[in-house]
N, C-alpha and C. Protein backbone atom coordinates (compact mmCIF):
# COMPACT_ATOMS: atom_id res chain seq x y z
N MET A 1 85.38 71.99 88.83
CA MET A 1 84.28 72.53 89.54
C MET A 1 84.66 74.06 89.78
N SER A 2 83.70 74.88 89.59
CA SER A 2 84.02 76.38 89.69
C SER A 2 84.11 76.90 90.98
N ASP A 3 84.61 78.03 91.43
CA ASP A 3 84.60 78.40 92.68
C ASP A 3 83.29 79.22 93.18
N VAL A 4 82.27 78.93 92.53
CA VAL A 4 80.89 79.31 93.02
C VAL A 4 79.75 78.01 93.30
N LEU A 5 79.54 78.21 94.24
CA LEU A 5 78.66 77.22 94.92
C LEU A 5 77.04 77.61 95.08
N SER A 6 76.25 76.90 94.66
CA SER A 6 74.71 77.04 94.59
C SER A 6 74.22 77.21 96.20
N TYR A 7 73.21 77.73 96.53
CA TYR A 7 72.79 77.76 97.74
C TYR A 7 72.52 76.50 98.37
N ASP A 8 72.11 75.61 97.75
CA ASP A 8 72.14 74.17 98.08
C ASP A 8 73.25 73.35 98.42
N GLU A 9 74.31 73.60 97.63
CA GLU A 9 75.47 73.14 97.56
C GLU A 9 76.11 73.44 99.00
N ARG A 10 76.06 75.00 99.15
CA ARG A 10 76.61 75.74 100.35
C ARG A 10 76.02 75.15 101.72
N LYS A 11 74.74 74.76 101.68
CA LYS A 11 73.69 74.55 102.85
C LYS A 11 74.53 73.02 103.26
N GLU A 12 74.48 72.24 102.07
CA GLU A 12 75.02 70.92 102.53
C GLU A 12 76.42 70.60 103.06
N LEU A 13 77.40 71.59 103.01
CA LEU A 13 78.67 71.75 103.57
C LEU A 13 78.81 71.80 104.90
N PRO A 14 79.80 70.86 105.69
CA PRO A 14 79.81 70.63 107.07
C PRO A 14 80.50 71.82 107.46
N ASP A 15 80.49 72.36 108.72
CA ASP A 15 80.87 73.89 109.00
C ASP A 15 82.52 73.45 109.05
N SER A 16 83.23 72.27 109.14
CA SER A 16 84.56 72.19 109.06
C SER A 16 85.41 72.94 107.78
N VAL A 17 84.67 72.87 106.80
CA VAL A 17 85.19 73.51 105.48
C VAL A 17 85.11 74.86 105.20
N PHE A 18 84.65 75.42 106.21
CA PHE A 18 84.60 77.09 106.20
C PHE A 18 85.72 77.73 106.79
N GLY A 19 86.27 78.64 106.20
CA GLY A 19 87.32 79.15 106.87
C GLY A 19 86.90 79.99 108.02
N LEU A 20 85.74 80.61 108.29
CA LEU A 20 85.11 81.21 109.56
C LEU A 20 83.79 80.25 109.51
N PRO A 21 84.03 79.18 110.20
CA PRO A 21 82.86 78.03 110.63
C PRO A 21 81.47 78.73 111.43
N GLU A 22 82.04 79.62 112.35
CA GLU A 22 80.86 80.06 113.27
C GLU A 22 80.01 80.99 112.30
N ARG A 23 80.69 81.62 111.34
CA ARG A 23 79.94 82.49 110.52
C ARG A 23 79.36 81.71 108.98
N ARG A 24 80.06 80.53 109.02
CA ARG A 24 79.66 79.97 107.71
C ARG A 24 80.27 80.56 106.30
N GLU A 25 81.12 81.37 106.43
CA GLU A 25 82.02 82.05 105.16
C GLU A 25 83.28 81.38 104.92
N TYR A 26 83.35 81.80 103.66
CA TYR A 26 84.79 81.38 103.16
C TYR A 26 84.71 79.83 102.99
N PRO A 27 83.90 79.38 102.38
CA PRO A 27 83.76 77.84 102.19
C PRO A 27 85.16 77.33 101.28
N MET A 28 85.61 76.40 101.62
CA MET A 28 86.99 75.84 100.97
C MET A 28 86.82 74.24 100.96
N PRO A 29 85.75 73.65 100.06
CA PRO A 29 85.69 72.20 99.85
C PRO A 29 86.64 71.70 99.10
N ASP A 30 87.32 72.62 97.99
CA ASP A 30 88.29 72.23 97.12
C ASP A 30 89.46 73.26 96.85
N ALA A 31 90.25 72.68 95.98
CA ALA A 31 91.46 73.87 95.70
C ALA A 31 91.15 75.17 95.06
N ALA A 32 89.82 75.09 94.41
CA ALA A 32 89.46 76.19 93.53
C ALA A 32 88.80 77.22 94.68
N HIS A 33 88.13 76.56 95.43
CA HIS A 33 87.63 77.50 96.71
C HIS A 33 88.83 77.99 97.75
N VAL A 34 89.74 77.49 97.72
CA VAL A 34 91.01 77.85 98.62
C VAL A 34 91.45 79.29 98.02
N ARG A 35 91.75 79.01 96.53
CA ARG A 35 92.16 80.13 95.81
C ARG A 35 91.27 81.26 96.05
N ALA A 36 89.79 80.93 95.91
CA ALA A 36 88.76 82.23 96.15
C ALA A 36 88.72 82.56 97.43
N ALA A 37 89.22 81.69 98.52
CA ALA A 37 89.30 82.54 99.88
C ALA A 37 90.45 83.33 99.87
N GLU A 38 91.42 82.95 99.28
CA GLU A 38 92.70 83.67 99.37
C GLU A 38 92.46 85.23 98.51
N ALA A 39 91.80 85.09 97.50
CA ALA A 39 91.32 86.27 96.74
C ALA A 39 90.44 87.16 97.40
N TYR A 40 89.57 86.68 98.21
CA TYR A 40 88.61 87.39 98.81
C TYR A 40 89.12 87.62 100.29
N PHE A 41 90.28 87.49 100.58
CA PHE A 41 90.60 87.67 101.94
C PHE A 41 90.51 89.20 102.49
N ARG A 42 90.93 90.12 101.45
CA ARG A 42 90.69 91.33 101.99
C ARG A 42 89.37 92.06 102.50
N TYR A 43 88.37 91.34 102.38
CA TYR A 43 87.07 91.56 102.62
C TYR A 43 86.71 91.26 104.05
N CYS A 44 87.56 90.25 104.63
CA CYS A 44 87.32 89.92 105.97
C CYS A 44 87.20 90.77 106.76
N PRO A 45 86.53 90.95 107.91
CA PRO A 45 86.90 91.71 109.02
C PRO A 45 88.33 91.66 109.73
N ASP A 46 88.91 92.65 110.02
CA ASP A 46 90.07 92.79 110.43
C ASP A 46 90.41 91.82 111.73
N ASP A 47 89.33 91.72 112.40
CA ASP A 47 89.77 90.90 113.78
C ASP A 47 89.48 89.72 113.62
N LEU A 48 89.04 89.11 112.64
CA LEU A 48 88.75 87.78 112.01
C LEU A 48 90.16 87.22 111.00
N LYS A 49 90.85 88.18 110.67
CA LYS A 49 92.00 87.80 109.45
C LYS A 49 92.80 86.89 110.01
N PRO A 50 93.36 86.81 111.28
CA PRO A 50 94.17 85.89 111.55
C PRO A 50 93.59 84.48 111.63
N LYS A 51 92.60 84.38 111.78
CA LYS A 51 91.88 82.86 111.98
C LYS A 51 91.53 82.55 110.62
N LEU A 52 91.22 83.47 109.93
CA LEU A 52 91.06 83.00 108.41
C LEU A 52 92.18 82.55 107.49
N ALA A 53 93.05 83.45 107.82
CA ALA A 53 94.45 83.18 107.22
C ALA A 53 94.98 81.70 107.61
N LYS A 54 94.81 81.15 108.94
CA LYS A 54 95.38 80.06 109.22
C LYS A 54 94.45 78.93 108.80
N ALA A 55 93.23 79.39 108.66
CA ALA A 55 92.46 78.26 107.86
C ALA A 55 92.79 78.30 106.32
N ILE A 56 92.91 79.11 105.77
CA ILE A 56 93.42 79.30 104.36
C ILE A 56 94.67 78.44 104.19
N LEU A 57 95.65 78.67 105.02
CA LEU A 57 96.66 77.71 104.83
C LEU A 57 96.68 76.34 104.95
N ALA A 58 95.87 75.99 106.22
CA ALA A 58 95.70 74.46 106.59
C ALA A 58 95.02 73.81 105.55
N ARG A 59 94.05 74.49 104.69
CA ARG A 59 93.11 73.88 103.75
C ARG A 59 93.98 73.87 102.39
N ALA A 60 94.90 75.00 102.05
CA ALA A 60 95.83 75.11 100.91
C ALA A 60 96.68 73.89 101.17
N LYS A 61 97.36 73.52 102.22
CA LYS A 61 98.21 72.47 102.41
C LYS A 61 97.55 71.19 101.98
N GLU A 62 96.25 70.93 102.58
CA GLU A 62 95.48 69.67 102.19
C GLU A 62 95.42 69.58 100.92
N TYR A 63 95.06 70.42 100.02
CA TYR A 63 94.83 70.50 98.61
C TYR A 63 96.04 70.88 97.67
N GLY A 64 97.05 71.26 98.38
CA GLY A 64 98.33 71.23 97.52
C GLY A 64 98.15 72.63 96.67
N VAL A 65 97.47 73.62 97.22
CA VAL A 65 97.59 74.80 96.77
C VAL A 65 98.65 75.64 97.38
N GLU A 66 99.45 76.60 96.46
CA GLU A 66 100.54 77.39 97.06
C GLU A 66 99.77 78.61 97.44
N VAL A 67 99.83 79.27 98.53
CA VAL A 67 99.38 80.64 98.83
C VAL A 67 100.28 81.73 98.75
N LYS A 68 100.22 82.57 97.84
CA LYS A 68 100.93 83.69 97.60
C LYS A 68 100.73 84.85 98.25
N SER A 69 99.70 85.18 98.65
CA SER A 69 99.03 86.62 99.24
C SER A 69 100.09 86.80 100.43
N PRO A 70 100.48 88.22 100.48
CA PRO A 70 101.41 88.61 101.42
C PRO A 70 100.55 88.68 102.64
N ALA A 71 99.42 89.18 102.41
CA ALA A 71 98.55 89.38 103.54
C ALA A 71 98.06 88.43 104.35
N VAL A 72 97.75 87.06 103.52
CA VAL A 72 97.44 85.84 104.31
C VAL A 72 98.68 85.47 104.80
N LEU A 73 99.60 85.33 104.41
CA LEU A 73 100.61 84.75 105.11
C LEU A 73 101.32 85.66 106.26
N SER A 74 101.01 87.00 106.18
CA SER A 74 101.55 88.11 107.27
C SER A 74 100.52 87.52 108.38
N TYR A 75 99.24 87.64 108.43
CA TYR A 75 98.10 87.33 109.34
C TYR A 75 98.38 86.01 109.83
N ALA A 76 98.72 85.13 108.94
CA ALA A 76 98.74 83.66 109.60
C ALA A 76 99.94 83.59 110.65
N ASN A 77 100.88 84.38 110.77
CA ASN A 77 102.11 84.25 111.57
C ASN A 77 101.84 85.17 112.82
N GLU A 78 100.63 85.57 112.84
CA GLU A 78 100.41 86.75 114.28
C GLU A 78 100.03 85.93 115.16
């Protein structure tokens, strides 16, 4: 699976797979999307970065993805 979801695929995802569920942003239904969320982390509003970083790490653990981004790791520890 690629890291691109169609509108219909995204619409069908439960809120629980989104890094920011209240905004339905940063979907992470699989390992490819966890890596994409890590790559696009810099575009997240600063006030939401700690929440997204923790979500990325949780989903990464679930899918066996190693998070390497210093920014994600730093915000997750705030």
